[in-house]
Amino acid sequence: MTTLKSKLHEDLNAAIKERDELRSSTLRLTLAAITKEEVAGKEKRELSDDEVLKVITKEAKKRREAADAFAQGGRAESAEREKAEGELLATYLPKQLSDEELDGIVAQAVSEAKAGGAEGPRAMGAVMKIVNPKVAGLAEGGRVAAVVRKHLAG
């Protein structure tokens, strides 16, 4: 069974052979982040695929935020580069939920929370507890929270 980390290594080697600078540098940085995570604790360990996905998600999010910052700062070229790196990393992540799918999951969680006696803006925590395990890795926290807020306000 190929681990996600070994797939990243294989893709990196292919990118180097193909002289694909964007892919090779993005994968190098991501693998460095994974290694850093592996040696972060008391003892070195191998990350599971789920943990590797978390690192990739974090790296992709960093790229999106940097792209936004560069775009606001009028540095279009740097923004494009960050955006391209983010899109490349996204290909390793599970497909993100569509707005409709996310909306459905949140609506169901809101009614579950209501059944449990949690209502209005104070129910946010209760609803997020129900939603988070269902959407882990499939939708970004900020996006989820916004949809939950919308449902609770409605």
C-alpha atoms as a PDB file:
ATOM      1  CA  MET A   1       0.000   0.000   0.000  1.00  0.00           C
ATOM      2  CA  THR A   2       1.402   3.350  -1.004  1.00  0.00           C
ATOM      3  CA  THR A   3       1.245   6.006   1.672  1.00  0.00           C
ATOM      4  CA  LEU A   4       0.323   9.558   0.793  1.00  0.00           C
ATOM      5  CA  LYS A   5       3.804  10.653   1.846  1.00  0.00           C
ATOM      6  CA  SER A   6       5.483   8.208  -0.543  1.00  0.00           C
ATOM      7  CA  LYS A   7       3.149   9.389  -3.321  1.00  0.00           C
ATOM      8  CA  LEU A   8       4.343  12.961  -2.638  1.00  0.00           C
ATOM      9  CA  HIS A   9       7.960  11.730  -2.877  1.00  0.00           C
ATOM     10  CA  GLU A  10       7.247   9.942  -6.181  1.00  0.00           C
ATOM     11  CA  ASP A  11       5.526  13.023  -7.580  1.00  0.00           C
ATOM     12  CA  LEU A  12       8.445  15.175  -6.447  1.00  0.00           C
ATOM     13  CA  ASN A  13      10.936  12.934  -8.269  1.00  0.00           C
ATOM     14  CA  ALA A  14       8.794  13.043 -11.408  1.00  0.00           C
ATOM     15  CA  ALA A  15       8.537  16.831 -11.169  1.00  0.00           C
ATOM     16  CA  ILE A  16      12.323  17.148 -10.833  1.00  0.00           C
ATOM     17  CA  LYS A  17      12.857  14.925 -13.906  1.00  0.00           C
ATOM     18  CA  GLU A  18      10.317  16.977 -15.861  1.00  0.00           C
ATOM     19  CA  ARG A  19      11.997  20.192 -14.634  1.00  0.00           C
ATOM     20  CA  ASP A  20       8.604  21.337 -13.317  1.00  0.00           C
ATOM     21  CA  GLU A  21       9.840  24.059 -10.959  1.00  0.00           C
ATOM     22  CA  LEU A  22       6.428  24.935  -9.477  1.00  0.00           C
ATOM     23  CA  ARG A  23       5.533  21.335  -8.639  1.00  0.00           C
ATOM     24  CA  SER A  24       8.973  20.390  -7.332  1.00  0.00           C
ATOM     25  CA  SER A  25       9.329  23.424  -5.062  1.00  0.00           C
ATOM     26  CA  THR A  26       5.753  23.110  -3.751  1.00  0.00           C
ATOM     27  CA  LEU A  27       6.175  19.393  -3.005  1.00  0.00           C
ATOM     28  CA  ARG A  28       9.598  19.998  -1.429  1.00  0.00           C
ATOM     29  CA  LEU A  29       8.127  22.585   0.946  1.00  0.00           C
ATOM     30  CA  THR A  30       5.197  20.316   1.776  1.00  0.00           C
ATOM     31  CA  LEU A  31       7.440  17.316   2.462  1.00  0.00           C
ATOM     32  CA  ALA A  32       9.605  19.550   4.666  1.00  0.00           C
ATOM     33  CA  ALA A  33       6.470  20.544   6.613  1.00  0.00           C
ATOM     34  CA  ILE A  34       5.583  16.846   7.003  1.00  0.00           C
ATOM     35  CA  THR A  35       9.091  16.002   8.240  1.00  0.00           C
ATOM     36  CA  LYS A  36       8.977  18.933  10.660  1.00  0.00           C
ATOM     37  CA  GLU A  37       5.685  17.568  12.025  1.00  0.00           C
ATOM     38  CA  GLU A  38       7.222  14.071  12.338  1.00  0.00           C
ATOM     39  CA  VAL A  39      10.107  15.290  14.489  1.00  0.00           C
ATOM     40  CA  ALA A  40       8.010  17.792  16.473  1.00  0.00           C
ATOM     41  CA  GLY A  41       7.172  15.483  19.384  1.00  0.00           C
ATOM     42  CA  LYS A  42       9.427  13.787  21.912  1.00  0.00           C
ATOM     43  CA  GLU A  43      10.328  11.080  19.427  1.00  0.00           C
ATOM     44  CA  LYS A  44      10.406  10.901  15.644  1.00  0.00           C
ATOM     45  CA  ARG A  45       7.433   9.114  14.144  1.00  0.00           C
ATOM     46  CA  GLU A  46       5.853   8.392  10.790  1.00  0.00           C
ATOM     47  CA  LEU A  47       2.699  10.430  10.145  1.00  0.00           C
ATOM     48  CA  SER A  48      -0.471   8.591   9.160  1.00  0.00           C
ATOM     49  CA  ASP A  49      -2.153   9.531   5.871  1.00  0.00           C
ATOM     50  CA  ASP A  50      -4.760  11.483   7.866  1.00  0.00           C
ATOM     51  CA  GLU A  51      -2.037  13.469   9.604  1.00  0.00           C
ATOM     52  CA  VAL A  52      -0.284  14.080   6.263  1.00  0.00           C
ATOM     53  CA  LEU A  53      -3.619  15.357   4.883  1.00  0.00           C
ATOM     54  CA  LYS A  54      -3.838  17.787   7.811  1.00  0.00           C
ATOM     55  CA  VAL A  55      -0.364  19.115   6.966  1.00  0.00           C
ATOM     56  CA  ILE A  56      -1.279  19.467   3.266  1.00  0.00           C
ATOM     57  CA  THR A  57      -4.537  21.217   4.228  1.00  0.00           C
ATOM     58  CA  LYS A  58      -2.580  23.641   6.427  1.00  0.00           C
ATOM     59  CA  GLU A  59      -0.043  24.278   3.644  1.00  0.00           C
ATOM     60  CA  ALA A  60      -2.814  24.849   1.068  1.00  0.00           C
ATOM     61  CA  LYS A  61      -4.535  27.280   3.430  1.00  0.00           C
ATOM     62  CA  LYS A  62      -1.255  29.184   3.908  1.00  0.00           C
ATOM     63  CA  ARG A  63      -0.978  29.493   0.104  1.00  0.00           C
ATOM     64  CA  ARG A  64      -4.542  30.833  -0.203  1.00  0.00           C
ATOM     65  CA  GLU A  65      -3.957  33.386   2.542  1.00  0.00           C
ATOM     66  CA  ALA A  66      -0.634  34.452   1.013  1.00  0.00           C
ATOM     67  CA  ALA A  67      -2.255  34.756  -2.427  1.00  0.00           C
ATOM     68  CA  ASP A  68      -4.941  37.040  -0.955  1.00  0.00           C
ATOM     69  CA  ALA A  69      -2.321  39.125   0.852  1.00  0.00           C
ATOM     70  CA  PHE A  70      -0.201  39.482  -2.304  1.00  0.00           C
ATOM     71  CA  ALA A  71      -3.267  40.349  -4.376  1.00  0.00           C
ATOM     72  CA  GLN A  72      -4.249  43.088  -1.896  1.00  0.00           C
ATOM     73  CA  GLY A  73      -0.669  44.353  -1.918  1.00  0.00           C
ATOM     74  CA  GLY A  74      -0.778  44.650  -5.698  1.00  0.00           C
ATOM     75  CA  ARG A  75       1.752  41.863  -6.280  1.00  0.00           C
ATOM     76  CA  ALA A  76      -0.176  39.929  -8.909  1.00  0.00           C
ATOM     77  CA  GLU A  77       2.726  37.710  -9.958  1.00  0.00           C
ATOM     78  CA  SER A  78       3.371  36.481  -6.400  1.00  0.00           C
ATOM     79  CA  ALA A  79      -0.381  36.060  -5.856  1.00  0.00           C
ATOM     80  CA  GLU A  80      -0.626  33.878  -8.991  1.00  0.00           C
ATOM     81  CA  ARG A  81       2.283  31.744  -7.838  1.00  0.00           C
ATOM     82  CA  GLU A  82       0.777  31.168  -4.374  1.00  0.00           C
ATOM     83  CA  LYS A  83      -2.594  30.412  -5.950  1.00  0.00           C
ATOM     84  CA  ALA A  84      -1.000  27.878  -8.313  1.00  0.00           C
ATOM     85  CA  GLU A  85       0.799  26.188  -5.403  1.00  0.00           C
ATOM     86  CA  GLY A  86      -2.455  26.067  -3.435  1.00  0.00           C
ATOM     87  CA  GLU A  87      -4.305  24.497  -6.374  1.00  0.00           C
ATOM     88  CA  LEU A  88      -1.537  21.943  -6.814  1.00  0.00           C
ATOM     89  CA  LEU A  89      -1.777  20.969  -3.124  1.00  0.00           C
ATOM     90  CA  ALA A  90      -5.565  20.773  -3.367  1.00  0.00           C
ATOM     91  CA  THR A  91      -5.186  17.891  -5.854  1.00  0.00           C
ATOM     92  CA  TYR A  92      -3.898  15.755  -2.950  1.00  0.00           C
ATOM     93  CA  LEU A  93      -6.846  16.602  -0.711  1.00  0.00           C
ATOM     94  CA  PRO A  94     -10.279  14.986  -0.680  1.00  0.00           C
ATOM     95  CA  LYS A  95     -12.736  16.841  -2.899  1.00  0.00           C
ATOM     96  CA  GLN A  96     -14.221  19.746  -0.953  1.00  0.00           C
ATOM     97  CA  LEU A  97     -17.950  19.708  -0.236  1.00  0.00           C
ATOM     98  CA  SER A  98     -20.130  21.811  -2.518  1.00  0.00           C
ATOM     99  CA  ASP A  99     -22.129  24.663  -0.950  1.00  0.00           C
ATOM    100  CA  GLU A 100     -25.305  22.555  -1.318  1.00  0.00           C
ATOM    101  CA  GLU A 101     -23.756  19.526   0.407  1.00  0.00           C
ATOM    102  CA  LEU A 102     -22.389  21.642   3.243  1.00  0.00           C
ATOM    103  CA  ASP A 103     -25.725  23.429   3.589  1.00  0.00           C
ATOM    104  CA  GLY A 104     -27.533  20.090   3.928  1.00  0.00           C
ATOM    105  CA  ILE A 105     -25.156  18.776   6.591  1.00  0.00           C
ATOM    106  CA  VAL A 106     -25.434  22.011   8.593  1.00  0.00           C
ATOM    107  CA  ALA A 107     -29.245  22.119   8.311  1.00  0.00           C
ATOM    108  CA  GLN A 108     -29.425  18.575   9.681  1.00  0.00           C
ATOM    109  CA  ALA A 109     -27.008  19.433  12.526  1.00  0.00           C
ATOM    110  CA  VAL A 110     -29.038  22.541  13.426  1.00  0.00           C
ATOM    111  CA  SER A 111     -32.211  20.471  13.757  1.00  0.00           C
ATOM    112  CA  GLU A 112     -30.303  17.860  15.818  1.00  0.00           C
ATOM    113  CA  ALA A 113     -29.041  20.619  18.122  1.00  0.00           C
ATOM    114  CA  LYS A 114     -32.557  22.070  18.416  1.00  0.00           C
ATOM    115  CA  ALA A 115     -33.857  18.634  19.359  1.00  0.00           C
ATOM    116  CA  GLY A 116     -31.172  18.630  22.060  1.00  0.00           C
ATOM    117  CA  GLY A 117     -32.464  21.980  23.328  1.00  0.00           C
ATOM    118  CA  ALA A 118     -29.798  24.243  21.818  1.00  0.00           C
ATOM    119  CA  GLU A 119     -31.185  27.205  19.862  1.00  0.00           C
ATOM    120  CA  GLY A 120     -30.223  30.601  18.510  1.00  0.00           C
ATOM    121  CA  PRO A 121     -26.678  32.010  18.383  1.00  0.00           C
ATOM    122  CA  ARG A 122     -25.746  30.169  21.592  1.00  0.00           C
ATOM    123  CA  ALA A 123     -26.235  26.869  19.772  1.00  0.00           C
ATOM    124  CA  MET A 124     -23.142  27.563  17.630  1.00  0.00           C
ATOM    125  CA  GLY A 125     -20.883  25.331  19.730  1.00  0.00           C
ATOM    126  CA  ALA A 126     -23.382  22.478  19.844  1.00  0.00           C
ATOM    127  CA  VAL A 127     -23.935  22.610  16.076  1.00  0.00           C
ATOM    128  CA  MET A 128     -20.197  22.809  15.307  1.00  0.00           C
ATOM    129  CA  LYS A 129     -19.641  19.707  17.509  1.00  0.00           C
ATOM    130  CA  ILE A 130     -22.111  17.788  15.336  1.00  0.00           C
ATOM    131  CA  VAL A 131     -20.882  19.197  12.000  1.00  0.00           C
ATOM    132  CA  ASN A 132     -17.092  19.090  12.438  1.00  0.00           C
ATOM    133  CA  PRO A 133     -16.583  15.291  12.463  1.00  0.00           C
ATOM    134  CA  LYS A 134     -18.805  14.993   9.375  1.00  0.00           C
ATOM    135  CA  VAL A 135     -16.950  17.603   7.333  1.00  0.00           C
ATOM    136  CA  ALA A 136     -13.377  17.109   8.618  1.00  0.00           C
ATOM    137  CA  GLY A 137     -11.007  17.695   5.716  1.00  0.00           C
ATOM    138  CA  LEU A 138     -13.899  18.326   3.317  1.00  0.00           C
ATOM    139  CA  ALA A 139     -14.621  21.959   4.158  1.00  0.00           C
ATOM    140  CA  GLU A 140     -12.592  24.722   5.776  1.00  0.00           C
ATOM    141  CA  GLY A 141     -13.491  25.765   9.319  1.00  0.00           C
ATOM    142  CA  GLY A 142     -14.263  29.384   8.450  1.00  0.00           C
ATOM    143  CA  ARG A 143     -16.571  28.340   5.643  1.00  0.00           C
ATOM    144  CA  VAL A 144     -18.380  25.862   7.925  1.00  0.00           C
ATOM    145  CA  ALA A 145     -18.776  28.442  10.704  1.00  0.00           C
ATOM    146  CA  ALA A 146     -20.248  30.974   8.250  1.00  0.00           C
ATOM    147  CA  VAL A 147     -22.879  28.491   7.048  1.00  0.00           C
ATOM    148  CA  VAL A 148     -23.722  27.520  10.645  1.00  0.00           C
ATOM    149  CA  ARG A 149     -24.124  31.197  11.594  1.00  0.00           C
ATOM    150  CA  LYS A 150     -26.392  31.756   8.588  1.00  0.00           C
ATOM    151  CA  HIS A 151     -28.599  28.826   9.606  1.00  0.00           C
ATOM    152  CA  LEU A 152     -28.776  29.870  13.244  1.00  0.00           C
ATOM    153  CA  ALA A 153     -29.627  33.469  12.313  1.00  0.00           C
ATOM    154  CA  GLY A 154     -32.319  32.286   9.888  1.00  0.00           C
END
